[in-house]
Amino acid sequence: MSPELTTADLVERAEGRPATPEPEDTAMALFSEEQVRDLRGRWDQVQASFVDEPRGAVEKADTLVAEAISKLAEGFARTRASLDGQWKRGDSVSTEDLRQALRHYRSFFGRLLRT
C-alpha cells in the first residue's frame, strides 16, 4: 500500500514540480569538468585579490559571473537549435533525446528556483 499524499505533494504535482526533489548527485552538469576547473580557479583568484584591491575584485567577479551565465545560455541555445533543426528538417526526434533534453531543463530549472 502506498503512503497517502500530503497537501504539499498535491501542490507540487499541480505546479508540475516533482514530489521529491532531484538529488544533487543526479543533477545534470551545466558545465564540463574543464569549464568548472577554469571557473573555480578564476574565482579563487578573484577572491584572493579582494584584500589588496576590493573594487577590482568585485569588477572581476561581475565579469566572471556574466561569462559563466553567457556560457550557460550558449549551451541551452545549442540544445534548442539542435532540436529545432531536426524538427524543421522533418526528422523525428527520439523520445529518449527529448527525455534527456527535458531532464536537463528540469535539473537547471530546479537549481534556479532552489533557495
C-alpha atoms as a PDB file:
ATOM      1  CA  MET A   1       0.000   0.000   0.000  1.00  0.00           C
ATOM      2  CA  SER A   2       1.395   3.422  -0.931  1.00  0.00           C
ATOM      3  CA  PRO A   3       1.676   6.257   1.602  1.00  0.00           C
ATOM      4  CA  GLU A   4      -1.002   8.937   1.464  1.00  0.00           C
ATOM      5  CA  LEU A   5      -0.188  12.107  -0.418  1.00  0.00           C
ATOM      6  CA  THR A   6       0.225  15.250   1.608  1.00  0.00           C
ATOM      7  CA  THR A   7      -1.175  18.618   0.617  1.00  0.00           C
ATOM      8  CA  ALA A   8       2.384  19.689  -0.261  1.00  0.00           C
ATOM      9  CA  ASP A   9       2.720  16.675  -2.590  1.00  0.00           C
ATOM     10  CA  LEU A  10      -0.532  17.590  -4.341  1.00  0.00           C
ATOM     11  CA  VAL A  11       0.503  21.235  -4.718  1.00  0.00           C
ATOM     12  CA  GLU A  12       3.885  20.190  -6.124  1.00  0.00           C
ATOM     13  CA  ARG A  13       2.224  17.888  -8.636  1.00  0.00           C
ATOM     14  CA  ALA A  14      -0.293  20.554  -9.647  1.00  0.00           C
ATOM     15  CA  GLU A  15       2.556  23.012 -10.203  1.00  0.00           C
ATOM     16  CA  GLY A  16       4.483  20.465 -12.251  1.00  0.00           C
ATOM     17  CA  ARG A  17       7.202  20.013  -9.649  1.00  0.00           C
ATOM     18  CA  PRO A  18       8.418  16.541  -8.712  1.00  0.00           C
ATOM     19  CA  ALA A  19       7.117  15.313  -5.348  1.00  0.00           C
ATOM     20  CA  THR A  20      10.682  14.652  -4.313  1.00  0.00           C
ATOM     21  CA  PRO A  21      13.494  16.925  -5.475  1.00  0.00           C
ATOM     22  CA  GLU A  22      16.178  15.515  -7.700  1.00  0.00           C
ATOM     23  CA  PRO A  23      19.184  14.532  -5.574  1.00  0.00           C
ATOM     24  CA  GLU A  24      22.242  16.744  -6.075  1.00  0.00           C
ATOM     25  CA  ASP A  25      24.365  13.841  -7.278  1.00  0.00           C
ATOM     26  CA  THR A  26      21.942  13.028 -10.117  1.00  0.00           C
ATOM     27  CA  ALA A  27      21.549  16.621 -11.307  1.00  0.00           C
ATOM     28  CA  MET A  28      22.876  17.079 -14.806  1.00  0.00           C
ATOM     29  CA  ALA A  29      26.107  19.025 -15.152  1.00  0.00           C
ATOM     30  CA  LEU A  30      25.726  22.531 -16.524  1.00  0.00           C
ATOM     31  CA  PHE A  31      29.416  22.847 -17.408  1.00  0.00           C
ATOM     32  CA  SER A  32      32.129  20.424 -18.454  1.00  0.00           C
ATOM     33  CA  GLU A  33      34.680  19.408 -15.839  1.00  0.00           C
ATOM     34  CA  GLU A  34      37.283  21.547 -17.612  1.00  0.00           C
ATOM     35  CA  GLN A  35      34.998  24.601 -17.539  1.00  0.00           C
ATOM     36  CA  VAL A  36      34.275  24.050 -13.844  1.00  0.00           C
ATOM     37  CA  ARG A  37      38.001  23.847 -13.034  1.00  0.00           C
ATOM     38  CA  ASP A  38      38.669  27.016 -15.017  1.00  0.00           C
ATOM     39  CA  LEU A  39      35.791  28.972 -13.468  1.00  0.00           C
ATOM     40  CA  ARG A  40      36.639  27.853  -9.927  1.00  0.00           C
ATOM     41  CA  GLY A  41      40.315  28.687 -10.402  1.00  0.00           C
ATOM     42  CA  ARG A  42      39.451  32.124 -11.696  1.00  0.00           C
ATOM     43  CA  TRP A  43      37.004  32.643  -8.816  1.00  0.00           C
ATOM     44  CA  ASP A  44      39.740  31.738  -6.323  1.00  0.00           C
ATOM     45  CA  GLN A  45      41.964  34.388  -7.918  1.00  0.00           C
ATOM     46  CA  VAL A  46      39.182  36.980  -7.716  1.00  0.00           C
ATOM     47  CA  GLN A  47      38.512  36.194  -4.090  1.00  0.00           C
ATOM     48  CA  ALA A  48      42.192  36.284  -3.172  1.00  0.00           C
ATOM     49  CA  SER A  49      42.594  39.707  -4.795  1.00  0.00           C
ATOM     50  CA  PHE A  50      39.857  41.294  -2.680  1.00  0.00           C
ATOM     51  CA  VAL A  51      42.118  42.244   0.245  1.00  0.00           C
ATOM     52  CA  ASP A  52      44.500  44.268  -1.916  1.00  0.00           C
ATOM     53  CA  GLU A  53      42.003  45.520  -4.478  1.00  0.00           C
ATOM     54  CA  PRO A  54      38.342  45.253  -3.339  1.00  0.00           C
ATOM     55  CA  ARG A  55      36.799  47.255  -6.165  1.00  0.00           C
ATOM     56  CA  GLY A  56      38.813  45.422  -8.819  1.00  0.00           C
ATOM     57  CA  ALA A  57      37.851  42.080  -7.271  1.00  0.00           C
ATOM     58  CA  VAL A  58      34.155  42.946  -7.451  1.00  0.00           C
ATOM     59  CA  GLU A  59      34.530  44.085 -11.073  1.00  0.00           C
ATOM     60  CA  LYS A  60      36.318  40.827 -11.930  1.00  0.00           C
ATOM     61  CA  ALA A  61      33.631  38.841 -10.096  1.00  0.00           C
ATOM     62  CA  ASP A  62      30.943  40.599 -12.135  1.00  0.00           C
ATOM     63  CA  THR A  63      32.777  39.791 -15.365  1.00  0.00           C
ATOM     64  CA  LEU A  64      33.304  36.161 -14.352  1.00  0.00           C
ATOM     65  CA  VAL A  65      29.658  35.621 -13.369  1.00  0.00           C
ATOM     66  CA  ALA A  66      28.485  37.271 -16.609  1.00  0.00           C
ATOM     67  CA  GLU A  67      30.806  34.977 -18.585  1.00  0.00           C
ATOM     68  CA  ALA A  68      29.502  31.884 -16.767  1.00  0.00           C
ATOM     69  CA  ILE A  69      25.888  32.901 -17.453  1.00  0.00           C
ATOM     70  CA  SER A  70      26.750  33.518 -21.112  1.00  0.00           C
ATOM     71  CA  LYS A  71      28.344  30.060 -21.447  1.00  0.00           C
ATOM     72  CA  LEU A  72      25.288  28.529 -19.831  1.00  0.00           C
ATOM     73  CA  ALA A  73      22.929  30.352 -22.198  1.00  0.00           C
ATOM     74  CA  GLU A  74      25.036  29.269 -25.192  1.00  0.00           C
ATOM     75  CA  GLY A  75      24.759  25.633 -24.121  1.00  0.00           C
ATOM     76  CA  PHE A  76      20.981  25.808 -23.871  1.00  0.00           C
ATOM     77  CA  ALA A  77      20.794  27.659 -27.199  1.00  0.00           C
ATOM     78  CA  ARG A  78      22.787  24.858 -28.883  1.00  0.00           C
ATOM     79  CA  THR A  79      20.429  22.225 -27.451  1.00  0.00           C
ATOM     80  CA  ARG A  80      17.394  24.153 -28.624  1.00  0.00           C
ATOM     81  CA  ALA A  81      18.872  24.806 -32.069  1.00  0.00           C
ATOM     82  CA  SER A  82      19.658  21.124 -32.494  1.00  0.00           C
ATOM     83  CA  LEU A  83      16.089  20.086 -31.669  1.00  0.00           C
ATOM     84  CA  ASP A  84      14.629  22.881 -33.828  1.00  0.00           C
ATOM     85  CA  GLY A  85      16.861  21.866 -36.735  1.00  0.00           C
ATOM     86  CA  GLN A  86      15.734  18.255 -36.538  1.00  0.00           C
ATOM     87  CA  TRP A  87      12.078  19.271 -36.436  1.00  0.00           C
ATOM     88  CA  LYS A  88      12.441  21.720 -39.359  1.00  0.00           C
ATOM     89  CA  ARG A  89      14.100  19.039 -41.485  1.00  0.00           C
ATOM     90  CA  GLY A  90      11.220  16.736 -40.660  1.00  0.00           C
ATOM     91  CA  ASP A  91      13.497  14.383 -38.751  1.00  0.00           C
ATOM     92  CA  SER A  92      11.881  12.592 -35.921  1.00  0.00           C
ATOM     93  CA  VAL A  93      13.487  13.245 -32.584  1.00  0.00           C
ATOM     94  CA  SER A  94      13.603  10.173 -30.424  1.00  0.00           C
ATOM     95  CA  THR A  95      11.669  10.104 -27.210  1.00  0.00           C
ATOM     96  CA  GLU A  96      14.948   9.395 -25.440  1.00  0.00           C
ATOM     97  CA  ASP A  97      16.543  12.570 -26.866  1.00  0.00           C
ATOM     98  CA  LEU A  98      13.511  14.563 -25.764  1.00  0.00           C
ATOM     99  CA  ARG A  99      13.572  12.921 -22.332  1.00  0.00           C
ATOM    100  CA  GLN A 100      17.226  13.863 -21.890  1.00  0.00           C
ATOM    101  CA  ALA A 101      16.559  17.443 -23.002  1.00  0.00           C
ATOM    102  CA  LEU A 102      13.626  17.770 -20.607  1.00  0.00           C
ATOM    103  CA  ARG A 103      15.670  16.230 -17.794  1.00  0.00           C
ATOM    104  CA  HIS A 104      18.432  18.771 -18.439  1.00  0.00           C
ATOM    105  CA  TYR A 105      15.952  21.656 -18.369  1.00  0.00           C
ATOM    106  CA  ARG A 106      14.263  20.293 -15.220  1.00  0.00           C
ATOM    107  CA  SER A 107      17.589  19.974 -13.430  1.00  0.00           C
ATOM    108  CA  PHE A 108      18.597  23.514 -14.343  1.00  0.00           C
ATOM    109  CA  PHE A 109      15.202  24.994 -13.541  1.00  0.00           C
ATOM    110  CA  GLY A 110      15.129  23.265 -10.170  1.00  0.00           C
ATOM    111  CA  ARG A 111      18.505  24.685  -9.264  1.00  0.00           C
ATOM    112  CA  LEU A 112      17.441  28.168 -10.369  1.00  0.00           C
ATOM    113  CA  LEU A 113      14.488  28.095  -8.006  1.00  0.00           C
ATOM    114  CA  ARG A 114      16.266  26.485  -5.075  1.00  0.00           C
ATOM    115  CA  THR A 115      16.737  28.887  -2.178  1.00  0.00           C
END
